[in-house]
Structure formats: structure tokens, C-alpha cells
Amino acid sequence: MSLRMLEKALENFIEKVQKPKHMHWHGKSHIAPESSLPPPPPRSPPSSLSIIVNEQSRWANLPPELLLDIFQRVEASETSWPARRVVVACASVCRSWKEITYSVVKTLEQCGWLTFPISLKQPGPRDAPIQCFIKRERVTSTYHLYLGLSPALTCDMSKMLLVAKKIRRATCTEFLLSLVPDDFSRASNTYIGKLRSNFLGTKFTIMDGEPPHDFAIPLNCKLQQSVHLKPLLPRVAAANYNVGTISYELNVLRTRGPRRMCCTMHLIPISAIQEGGTAPTPLKFTNCYNEHASTTLISKGKKPRVEFGSAGTDDSPGSTPNAREPLILKNKAPRWHEQLQCWCLNFKGRVTVASVKNFQLVAAAEPSQNVAVAEQEKVILQFGKIGKDIFTMDYRYPLSAFQAFAICLSSFDTKPTCE
């Protein structure tokens, strides 16, 4: 079977699966009978549902070796959106197809292609950054993250990755992150996490709605409780995990220049950017939480929040001190341009409008941490303005799309004491 024949057959199968949603069922006679039941009357034509069930069985019973070969060809040929949705469609047919597809698709760091939603929590590729853009909707206070160079080049071919909604509260500002633009409820399985600021907007906390990769509560973590008046659903009553902190330096003297920021990524060790180092890479959404820490609080209608200390999550006796230290990102120092009379950074054509929000982040490493100079100069995340309410966001290893988007969202909040 050729690749094009498989794609055509797959499209026909998906159309048949979606078609019954618009049909009117007349009773149980349209459901495929079981072997113990008497056969249907000979004049009754086979229903659409029975055809789908039988055809799905035929798809599921294909030899695993054949499926593996086909999926490897599909994975290698469809390397960009929207064509890459064929890979997602293969994983949606049945359980056996899903398992084989997930075994074929590599992590984002390895292949550089965003495929499944879990890719948004995986570190980006090492060789080249993933280029995205953010569109701000002032009326709805929402921010859409798209995969692509810019809206002018990609138009309707852009792949929406994440959506954030800004909510102002009495003592802070929150950005709720979701996979869809119309549901920001923490009870939904599309909820990803949130970004919360302090009263002055100088410090932000990145809260992940999922437990960290290979999660185990370390000895030096703090467990904080926040009471909710409304009854919580099981999905809402899970722990919020503090995975990063963003701090903006106060500009007391009101000097001219870009904002100064520092990002501490609690779950990414500094060893991730050392030679041979690796960053935490989740392979699936767990939706499970530490019962020892949260069962008591959930039963009382309270929500635990796990915060990690500066030592990270690895406190095993065999680990080195540097391995336990978190990755810290800082602003790349700009240069003053005499002719333009402004601070300048080399965004390599990705930023075209001067703005106090523009920044580039690099690793802040001490000499004792044995981080190569080339790694310290490598831009891990850059963010800048290209038009009215349009911004570019380019990120790479060891940050994920979720972490990079949260850091960029902090730049949208008002900071009168930092400018």
C-alpha cells in the first residue's frame, strides 16, 4: 500500500466516523448485534455505525510490522502543519494505532516537530529555535500563540499552540493558559497552567497544572494552601506546581534602557546546558497527583501548591551540587547605538519595532558550573514586537513552549516601577 493510498483511505475512514454525528438514529436496531443476539431481519440494510465498527476492527487488525513501516514513512514525509495532522489522525484510529504512532514520533528535542499536545511541555530542539508569534486581542484580553514565522507569511496555515487569558484581580494579575480559546476552566483537561504576578507586577510565578516529569516532592519544598470558597472538582483540586519564577529589577532612578529580568527555572537543572546534560522531558500527560500531599487538603476543599527551593528536585546523595542548581536566565546586555540613539539587540530580522517589551534571554552561569562560553552566549528565548499587537517568540532547548510563552506573557503586564 502506497503512502498516498493510505492517506486517502484514512481520510475516508475519518469522514465515515464523523458522518453519524449528523444522522438521526431510530433505535437500537442500528447498532451492530453481538454474537449471542439473533441476526437482524434480512431486509434491514447495514447501519452506518455497524460499518464503522467493522471497518475500525479491520484497521486495528493490521499487522503491527506493516503499521510500523507505514507510520515511519508518514512521520518522515509530513514535517510541517497542516500536513502533520495526518500523524495525529493515525493516533486517533484505535488504541493499537496510538501505541505504534507514539513509539514512532520522537520527542521535540530529537526531531524539532511539534505533533501532540505533550510537545508543548517538552524542551525545544538544540540546533535551531522554534519560531512562533503571539497575537494579542485587546478586547477579550487574550493572547494566542501560533507556530510559524509571522501571520503575514503563514496566513490561515498557522497552527495555534496555546491561548492565554489575562484576569486582573485585587492583589495580582493572572494569565490562564489553555489549549483551546474558549475554555479556561481549571476543571477542563485543556487547562495547561497559569502565570501569577505580585501586587507591583515585579515578580511572576509559573504554575504548571501537571506534576513535573518523574515527580517526587523533595525535602526542601514548601507546601502552601489557598482556600477556595466554591466546591472543587477532582481535576481542579490538584496541586499547582511552581516550575519557574520571573523577577523584574526595580528602576528606582528611572534610567533609560530596557527592562532587566531574571528567570529561575526550578525544574531545569544547570547541568542541562552542560556537556552531555539533559532536561526533563515528559512523554505524556499524567493527570495524577501526589496523594500523600494533597488527599487531606482536597477532602477539606483546599488546593495545595508545591513550591521548590533553589536546589531543584534532585536531592539524591549521588548527585553533584551543580546538578541540583536550577537554570537561571538573564537579559542579554544590549548595545547603545549612537546613530539611532537607542539600545539595540541583534534579533536577526525577527523584530522590527522598538519596544520596552523586547528581550533576549541567555543562561547565567558561574565559572564553577563548567558551562561552555558558547552555551552562555546562545539565545534561549527571544521576544519582540513586529506590528500592532503582533509579537514574535523564538525558543529553544532547554525551555518548552509552555515555559517560553509564560515568560513572554509576563512582559505584557504593566510595570511602572521597572521602566
Protein backbone atom coordinates (compact mmCIF):
# COMPACT_ATOMS: atom_id res chain seq x y z
CA MET A 1 0.00 0.00 0.00
CA SER A 2 1.49 3.35 -1.04
CA LEU A 3 1.59 6.36 1.28
CA ARG A 4 -0.98 8.30 -0.78
CA MET A 5 -3.36 5.32 -0.80
CA LEU A 6 -3.08 5.10 2.97
CA GLU A 7 -3.80 8.82 3.38
CA LYS A 8 -6.84 8.53 1.10
CA ALA A 9 -8.15 5.52 2.95
CA LEU A 10 -7.57 7.25 6.26
CA GLU A 11 -9.46 10.35 5.13
CA ASN A 12 -12.40 8.20 4.02
CA PHE A 13 -12.38 6.44 7.36
CA ILE A 14 -12.39 9.71 9.32
CA GLU A 15 -15.26 11.03 7.19
CA LYS A 16 -17.31 7.92 8.00
CA VAL A 17 -16.55 8.31 11.69
CA GLN A 18 -17.72 11.94 11.66
CA LYS A 19 -20.78 11.32 9.46
CA PRO A 20 -23.02 9.65 12.08
CA LYS A 21 -22.88 12.81 14.23
CA HIS A 22 -25.26 14.42 11.76
CA MET A 23 -27.59 11.43 11.32
CA HIS A 24 -30.79 10.59 13.20
CA TRP A 25 -30.82 7.21 14.91
CA HIS A 26 -34.16 5.40 15.10
CA GLY A 27 -33.37 2.81 17.75
CA LYS A 28 -31.08 0.03 18.91
CA SER A 29 -31.58 -1.89 15.70
CA HIS A 30 -28.92 0.28 14.08
CA ILE A 31 -26.21 -0.93 16.48
CA ALA A 32 -24.14 -3.90 15.38
CA PRO A 33 -25.58 -7.02 17.09
CA GLU A 34 -23.49 -9.29 19.26
CA SER A 35 -22.96 -12.97 18.51
CA SER A 36 -25.40 -14.08 21.22
CA LEU A 37 -28.23 -11.99 19.79
CA PRO A 38 -30.43 -13.18 16.92
CA PRO A 39 -29.46 -11.86 13.46
CA PRO A 40 -31.27 -8.77 12.18
CA PRO A 41 -34.06 -9.06 9.63
CA PRO A 42 -32.68 -9.74 6.13
CA ARG A 43 -34.31 -6.62 4.66
CA SER A 44 -32.65 -4.22 7.12
CA PRO A 45 -29.63 -2.61 5.45
CA PRO A 46 -26.42 -2.41 7.49
CA SER A 47 -26.31 0.76 9.55
CA SER A 48 -23.53 3.32 9.32
CA LEU A 49 -22.45 2.57 12.87
CA SER A 50 -22.03 -1.16 12.17
CA ILE A 51 -19.98 -0.36 9.09
CA ILE A 52 -17.72 1.90 11.16
CA VAL A 53 -17.30 -0.69 13.91
CA ASN A 54 -16.40 -3.42 11.41
CA GLU A 55 -14.07 -1.18 9.45
CA GLN A 56 -12.36 0.02 12.61
CA SER A 57 -11.77 -3.62 13.54
CA ARG A 58 -10.17 -4.23 10.16
CA TRP A 59 -7.90 -1.20 10.64
CA ALA A 60 -6.98 -2.36 14.14
CA ASN A 61 -6.17 -5.91 12.99
CA LEU A 62 -3.50 -4.86 10.51
CA PRO A 63 -0.10 -6.48 11.19
CA PRO A 64 1.99 -4.35 13.59
CA GLU A 65 5.05 -4.67 11.35
CA LEU A 66 3.12 -3.19 8.42
CA LEU A 67 1.72 -0.38 10.56
CA LEU A 68 5.16 0.44 11.91
CA ASP A 69 6.60 0.72 8.40
CA ILE A 70 3.69 2.89 7.23
CA PHE A 71 3.83 5.20 10.24
CA GLN A 72 7.57 5.67 9.86
CA ARG A 73 7.02 6.80 6.28
CA VAL A 74 4.22 9.15 7.32
CA GLU A 75 6.36 10.58 10.12
CA ALA A 76 9.27 11.23 7.77
CA SER A 77 7.18 12.79 4.98
CA GLU A 78 4.85 15.10 6.91
CA THR A 79 7.17 17.56 8.67
CA SER A 80 5.04 20.70 8.91
CA TRP A 81 1.49 21.78 9.66
CA PRO A 82 -1.21 21.37 8.45
CA ALA A 83 0.07 18.23 6.69
CA ARG A 84 1.31 16.86 10.01
CA ARG A 85 -2.25 16.38 11.19
CA VAL A 86 -2.13 13.05 9.31
CA VAL A 87 0.22 11.79 12.06
CA VAL A 88 -2.28 12.89 14.71
CA ALA A 89 -5.09 11.23 12.77
CA CYS A 90 -3.18 7.93 12.75
CA ALA A 91 -3.02 8.00 16.55
CA SER A 92 -6.78 8.64 16.73
CA VAL A 93 -7.96 5.50 14.93
CA CYS A 94 -7.65 2.95 17.73
CA ARG A 95 -5.51 2.01 20.70
CA SER A 96 -3.06 -0.16 18.77
CA TRP A 97 -2.52 2.60 16.20
CA LYS A 98 -1.99 5.11 19.00
CA GLU A 99 0.66 2.99 20.70
CA ILE A 100 2.59 2.45 17.46
CA THR A 101 2.33 6.13 16.48
CA TYR A 102 3.63 7.27 19.84
CA SER A 103 6.55 4.86 19.54
CA VAL A 104 7.44 6.29 16.13
CA VAL A 105 7.11 10.01 16.90
CA LYS A 106 10.26 11.29 18.58
CA THR A 107 10.46 13.99 21.22
CA LEU A 108 10.60 17.63 20.23
CA GLU A 109 14.26 17.87 21.18
CA GLN A 110 15.12 14.97 18.87
CA CYS A 111 13.07 15.81 15.76
CA GLY A 112 12.15 19.50 16.11
CA TRP A 113 8.49 18.92 15.10
CA LEU A 114 5.50 19.77 17.26
CA THR A 115 2.99 16.94 16.99
CA PHE A 116 0.94 16.10 20.06
CA PRO A 117 -0.07 18.46 22.90
CA ILE A 118 2.60 16.96 25.15
CA SER A 119 5.16 18.52 22.78
CA LEU A 120 4.29 21.88 24.36
CA LYS A 121 5.76 20.64 27.65
CA GLN A 122 8.92 19.17 26.11
CA PRO A 123 12.19 21.12 25.68
CA GLY A 124 12.79 22.54 22.23
CA PRO A 125 15.47 21.40 19.78
CA ARG A 126 19.13 22.19 20.41
CA ASP A 127 20.21 23.07 16.87
CA ALA A 128 17.71 25.74 15.82
CA PRO A 129 14.94 27.64 17.61
CA ILE A 130 11.25 27.05 17.03
CA GLN A 131 9.78 30.23 15.57
CA CYS A 132 6.35 31.33 16.77
CA PHE A 133 4.32 34.50 17.00
CA ILE A 134 1.88 35.87 19.55
CA LYS A 135 -1.28 37.76 18.65
CA ARG A 136 -2.83 39.99 21.30
CA GLU A 137 -6.60 40.56 21.40
CA ARG A 138 -7.16 43.70 23.46
CA VAL A 139 -10.95 43.42 23.56
CA THR A 140 -11.00 39.93 25.08
CA SER A 141 -7.65 40.24 26.92
CA THR A 142 -6.43 37.05 25.29
CA TYR A 143 -3.10 36.08 23.76
CA HIS A 144 -2.80 33.44 21.04
CA LEU A 145 0.45 31.57 20.42
CA TYR A 146 0.87 30.30 16.85
CA LEU A 147 3.52 28.16 15.21
CA GLY A 148 5.00 29.99 12.23
CA LEU A 149 7.20 32.85 11.09
CA SER A 150 4.55 35.60 11.11
CA PRO A 151 0.84 35.98 10.31
CA ALA A 152 1.71 37.77 7.05
CA LEU A 153 3.61 34.74 5.74
CA THR A 154 1.55 31.87 7.12
CA CYS A 155 -1.97 33.38 6.98
CA ASP A 156 -4.50 30.66 7.78
CA MET A 157 -1.89 27.92 7.67
CA SER A 158 -0.65 28.75 11.19
CA LYS A 159 -1.03 26.15 13.89
CA MET A 160 -2.46 27.50 17.15
CA LEU A 161 -0.50 26.12 20.09
CA LEU A 162 -1.69 27.86 23.26
CA VAL A 163 -4.09 30.58 24.37
CA ALA A 164 -3.82 32.75 27.50
CA LYS A 165 -6.47 34.92 29.11
CA LYS A 166 -5.49 37.85 31.32
CA ILE A 167 -7.50 38.30 34.51
CA ARG A 168 -6.94 41.29 36.80
CA ARG A 169 -7.56 40.69 40.47
CA ALA A 170 -7.38 42.93 43.52
CA THR A 171 -3.87 41.92 44.55
CA CYS A 172 -2.40 40.31 41.44
CA THR A 173 -2.76 39.57 37.75
CA GLU A 174 -3.22 36.05 36.39
CA PHE A 175 -2.80 34.59 32.92
CA LEU A 176 -4.69 31.31 32.48
CA LEU A 177 -3.23 29.06 29.76
CA SER A 178 -5.30 26.60 27.75
CA LEU A 179 -5.12 24.50 24.60
CA VAL A 180 -8.38 25.97 23.27
CA PRO A 181 -9.55 29.61 23.02
CA ASP A 182 -12.97 29.15 24.62
CA ASP A 183 -12.32 27.18 27.81
CA PHE A 184 -10.02 28.41 30.57
CA SER A 185 -11.61 26.47 33.39
CA ARG A 186 -9.19 24.58 35.61
CA ALA A 187 -11.69 21.72 35.62
CA SER A 188 -11.08 21.17 31.91
CA ASN A 189 -8.48 18.76 30.57
CA THR A 190 -7.39 21.52 28.17
CA TYR A 191 -6.09 23.60 31.09
CA ILE A 192 -2.28 23.81 30.99
CA GLY A 193 -1.29 26.15 33.80
CA LYS A 194 -1.17 29.79 34.77
CA LEU A 195 1.10 32.76 35.38
CA ARG A 196 0.57 34.86 38.51
CA SER A 197 2.11 38.22 39.42
CA ASN A 198 2.61 40.01 42.70
CA PHE A 199 0.91 43.31 43.52
CA LEU A 200 3.59 45.50 41.88
CA GLY A 201 3.98 43.29 38.82
CA THR A 202 7.69 42.80 39.52
CA LYS A 203 7.61 39.07 40.29
CA PHE A 204 5.77 36.31 38.44
CA THR A 205 5.28 32.64 39.24
CA ILE A 206 4.81 30.00 36.55
CA MET A 207 2.35 27.38 37.81
CA ASP A 208 2.04 24.08 35.96
CA GLY A 209 -1.22 22.16 36.18
CA GLU A 210 0.63 18.86 35.69
CA PRO A 211 3.10 17.17 38.02
CA PRO A 212 6.70 17.57 36.90
CA HIS A 213 8.45 14.81 34.99
CA ASP A 214 9.35 11.90 37.33
CA PHE A 215 7.76 13.93 40.12
CA ALA A 216 8.56 13.30 43.75
CA ILE A 217 8.15 16.04 46.36
CA PRO A 218 11.66 16.99 47.52
CA LEU A 219 12.56 17.52 51.14
CA ASN A 220 13.19 21.25 50.73
CA CYS A 221 9.88 22.12 49.04
CA LYS A 222 7.20 24.26 50.63
CA LEU A 223 3.58 23.19 50.62
CA GLN A 224 1.25 26.19 50.67
CA GLN A 225 -2.51 26.16 50.92
CA SER A 226 -5.04 28.54 49.44
CA VAL A 227 -8.70 28.23 50.42
CA HIS A 228 -11.40 28.21 47.73
CA LEU A 229 -14.95 29.07 48.71
CA LYS A 230 -16.54 27.19 45.83
CA PRO A 231 -16.58 23.36 45.81
CA LEU A 232 -13.81 21.96 43.64
CA LEU A 233 -13.93 19.22 41.06
CA PRO A 234 -11.29 16.49 41.27
CA ARG A 235 -9.38 17.96 38.31
CA VAL A 236 -9.36 21.43 39.91
CA ALA A 237 -8.37 20.17 43.32
CA ALA A 238 -4.99 19.04 42.10
CA ALA A 239 -1.73 20.65 43.12
CA ASN A 240 -0.31 23.70 41.39
CA TYR A 241 3.39 23.20 40.73
CA ASN A 242 5.71 26.17 40.81
CA VAL A 243 8.06 25.48 37.91
CA GLY A 244 9.56 28.93 37.43
CA THR A 245 9.95 32.43 38.85
CA ILE A 246 10.38 35.64 36.86
CA SER A 247 11.72 38.75 38.58
CA TYR A 248 11.98 42.26 37.14
CA GLU A 249 14.54 44.67 38.58
CA LEU A 250 13.18 47.88 40.05
CA ASN A 251 14.20 51.03 38.19
CA VAL A 252 14.35 53.41 41.13
CA LEU A 253 16.43 56.06 39.35
CA ARG A 254 14.18 55.96 36.26
CA THR A 255 17.18 55.49 33.96
CA ARG A 256 16.61 54.86 30.28
CA GLY A 257 17.03 51.38 28.94
CA PRO A 258 15.31 48.02 28.54
CA ARG A 259 13.78 46.12 31.42
CA ARG A 260 16.07 43.88 33.44
CA MET A 261 14.68 40.46 34.22
CA CYS A 262 15.85 37.20 35.76
CA CYS A 263 14.12 33.81 35.31
CA THR A 264 14.73 30.89 37.64
CA MET A 265 13.59 27.58 36.16
CA HIS A 266 13.24 25.37 39.24
CA LEU A 267 12.82 22.05 37.42
CA ILE A 268 15.55 22.58 34.80
CA PRO A 269 18.99 21.95 36.31
CA ILE A 270 22.01 23.96 35.22
CA SER A 271 23.51 20.62 34.16
CA ALA A 272 21.02 20.58 31.26
CA ILE A 273 23.20 23.02 29.31
CA GLN A 274 26.46 21.40 30.33
CA GLU A 275 28.17 18.95 28.01
CA GLY A 276 26.15 15.73 27.97
CA GLY A 277 23.37 17.20 30.09
CA THR A 278 19.66 16.59 29.61
CA ALA A 279 16.49 18.45 30.52
CA PRO A 280 13.31 16.87 31.98
CA THR A 281 11.19 15.57 29.10
CA PRO A 282 7.61 14.39 29.82
CA LEU A 283 6.24 11.82 27.39
CA LYS A 284 2.56 12.01 28.34
CA PHE A 285 0.12 13.92 30.48
CA THR A 286 -0.23 12.19 33.80
CA ASN A 287 -3.29 13.89 35.36
CA CYS A 288 -2.31 12.15 38.58
CA TYR A 289 -1.15 13.84 41.74
CA ASN A 290 0.74 13.05 44.89
CA GLU A 291 -1.90 11.57 47.20
CA HIS A 292 0.22 11.90 50.32
CA ALA A 293 0.47 15.67 49.88
CA SER A 294 -2.95 16.52 48.55
CA THR A 295 -5.57 13.97 49.67
CA THR A 296 -6.16 15.61 53.04
CA LEU A 297 -6.32 19.10 51.55
CA ILE A 298 -8.67 18.04 48.77
CA SER A 299 -11.09 16.47 51.23
CA LYS A 300 -11.26 19.82 53.05
CA GLY A 301 -11.84 21.81 49.88
CA LYS A 302 -8.33 23.27 49.78
CA LYS A 303 -5.80 23.24 47.00
CA PRO A 304 -2.12 22.56 47.67
CA ARG A 305 0.61 24.38 45.85
CA VAL A 306 4.04 22.81 45.68
CA GLU A 307 6.97 25.20 45.56
CA PHE A 308 10.53 24.04 45.03
CA GLY A 309 13.56 25.56 46.65
CA SER A 310 16.65 26.73 44.84
CA ALA A 311 18.11 23.26 44.97
CA GLY A 312 15.63 21.89 42.46
CA THR A 313 14.11 18.45 42.69
CA ASP A 314 17.12 16.15 42.71
CA ASP A 315 18.50 15.73 46.23
CA SER A 316 19.90 12.25 45.88
CA PRO A 317 23.23 11.62 47.65
CA GLY A 318 24.97 10.74 44.43
CA SER A 319 24.11 13.96 42.61
CA THR A 320 26.64 16.77 42.40
CA PRO A 321 25.90 20.27 43.77
CA ASN A 322 25.88 21.78 40.26
CA ALA A 323 23.32 19.21 39.08
CA ARG A 324 20.90 20.34 41.79
CA GLU A 325 21.19 24.03 40.98
CA PRO A 326 18.38 25.44 38.80
CA LEU A 327 18.89 27.08 35.45
CA ILE A 328 18.83 30.89 35.68
CA LEU A 329 18.19 33.04 32.62
CA LYS A 330 19.06 36.73 32.35
CA ASN A 331 18.75 39.52 29.83
CA LYS A 332 21.35 39.66 27.13
CA ALA A 333 23.03 43.04 27.53
CA PRO A 334 22.04 45.45 24.72
CA ARG A 335 24.39 47.87 22.98
CA TRP A 336 23.82 51.60 22.70
CA HIS A 337 23.59 52.68 19.05
CA GLU A 338 24.97 56.20 18.64
CA GLN A 339 23.34 56.89 15.27
CA LEU A 340 19.91 55.56 16.25
CA GLN A 341 20.22 56.83 19.83
CA CYS A 342 18.66 53.70 21.30
CA TRP A 343 19.51 50.35 22.86
CA CYS A 344 19.91 47.62 20.24
CA LEU A 345 19.97 43.83 20.16
CA ASN A 346 20.56 41.58 17.16
CA PHE A 347 17.24 39.80 16.64
CA LYS A 348 18.34 38.61 13.17
CA GLY A 349 15.38 40.25 11.44
CA ARG A 350 12.74 38.72 13.72
CA VAL A 351 11.91 42.02 15.49
CA THR A 352 11.15 45.22 13.59
CA VAL A 353 9.54 47.59 16.13
CA ALA A 354 11.36 49.12 19.10
CA SER A 355 9.62 48.33 22.38
CA VAL A 356 10.47 48.12 26.05
CA LYS A 357 8.97 44.61 25.95
CA ASN A 358 11.64 43.25 23.58
CA PHE A 359 14.20 40.97 25.19
CA GLN A 360 16.65 38.12 24.70
CA LEU A 361 17.43 35.62 27.43
CA VAL A 362 20.70 33.73 27.88
CA ALA A 363 21.96 31.41 30.60
CA ALA A 364 23.53 32.99 33.68
CA ALA A 365 26.27 30.63 34.79
CA GLU A 366 29.08 30.88 37.31
CA PRO A 367 32.64 29.80 36.42
CA SER A 368 32.37 26.91 38.88
CA GLN A 369 29.39 25.47 36.97
CA ASN A 370 31.52 24.46 33.95
CA VAL A 371 29.21 25.84 31.28
CA ALA A 372 30.88 26.47 27.93
CA VAL A 373 31.14 30.08 26.78
CA ALA A 374 29.25 29.23 23.58
CA GLU A 375 26.32 27.94 25.64
CA GLN A 376 26.29 31.09 27.76
CA GLU A 377 26.09 33.28 24.65
CA LYS A 378 23.37 31.22 22.97
CA VAL A 379 19.97 32.95 22.98
CA ILE A 380 17.49 30.53 24.58
CA LEU A 381 14.42 32.76 24.24
CA GLN A 382 13.79 35.97 22.35
CA PHE A 383 10.64 38.05 22.19
CA GLY A 384 9.89 41.21 20.26
CA LYS A 385 7.33 43.35 18.52
CA ILE A 386 6.77 43.31 14.74
CA GLY A 387 3.47 45.20 14.47
CA LYS A 388 0.40 46.34 16.33
CA ASP A 389 -0.49 43.55 18.76
CA ILE A 390 1.80 41.09 16.93
CA PHE A 391 4.97 39.74 18.55
CA THR A 392 7.47 37.02 17.68
CA MET A 393 8.63 34.34 20.11
CA ASP A 394 11.57 32.07 19.34
CA TYR A 395 12.62 29.45 21.87
CA ARG A 396 14.97 26.50 22.02
CA TYR A 397 16.35 23.87 24.37
CA PRO A 398 16.04 23.58 27.35
CA LEU A 399 12.82 25.65 27.51
CA SER A 400 9.43 24.29 26.46
CA ALA A 401 6.73 26.19 24.60
CA PHE A 402 4.67 26.44 27.78
CA GLN A 403 7.56 27.90 29.78
CA ALA A 404 8.61 30.28 27.00
CA PHE A 405 5.04 31.52 26.46
CA ALA A 406 4.61 32.15 30.20
CA ILE A 407 7.84 34.18 30.33
CA CYS A 408 6.71 36.28 27.36
CA LEU A 409 3.29 36.86 28.93
CA SER A 410 4.98 38.47 31.92
CA SER A 411 6.22 41.20 29.62
CA PHE A 412 2.64 42.25 28.78
CA ASP A 413 1.74 43.18 32.36
CA THR A 414 2.12 46.82 33.43
CA LYS A 415 5.33 47.53 35.39
CA PRO A 416 5.52 51.26 36.26
CA THR A 417 8.34 50.67 38.79
CA CYS A 418 10.54 48.84 36.27
CA GLU A 419 10.54 51.30 33.37
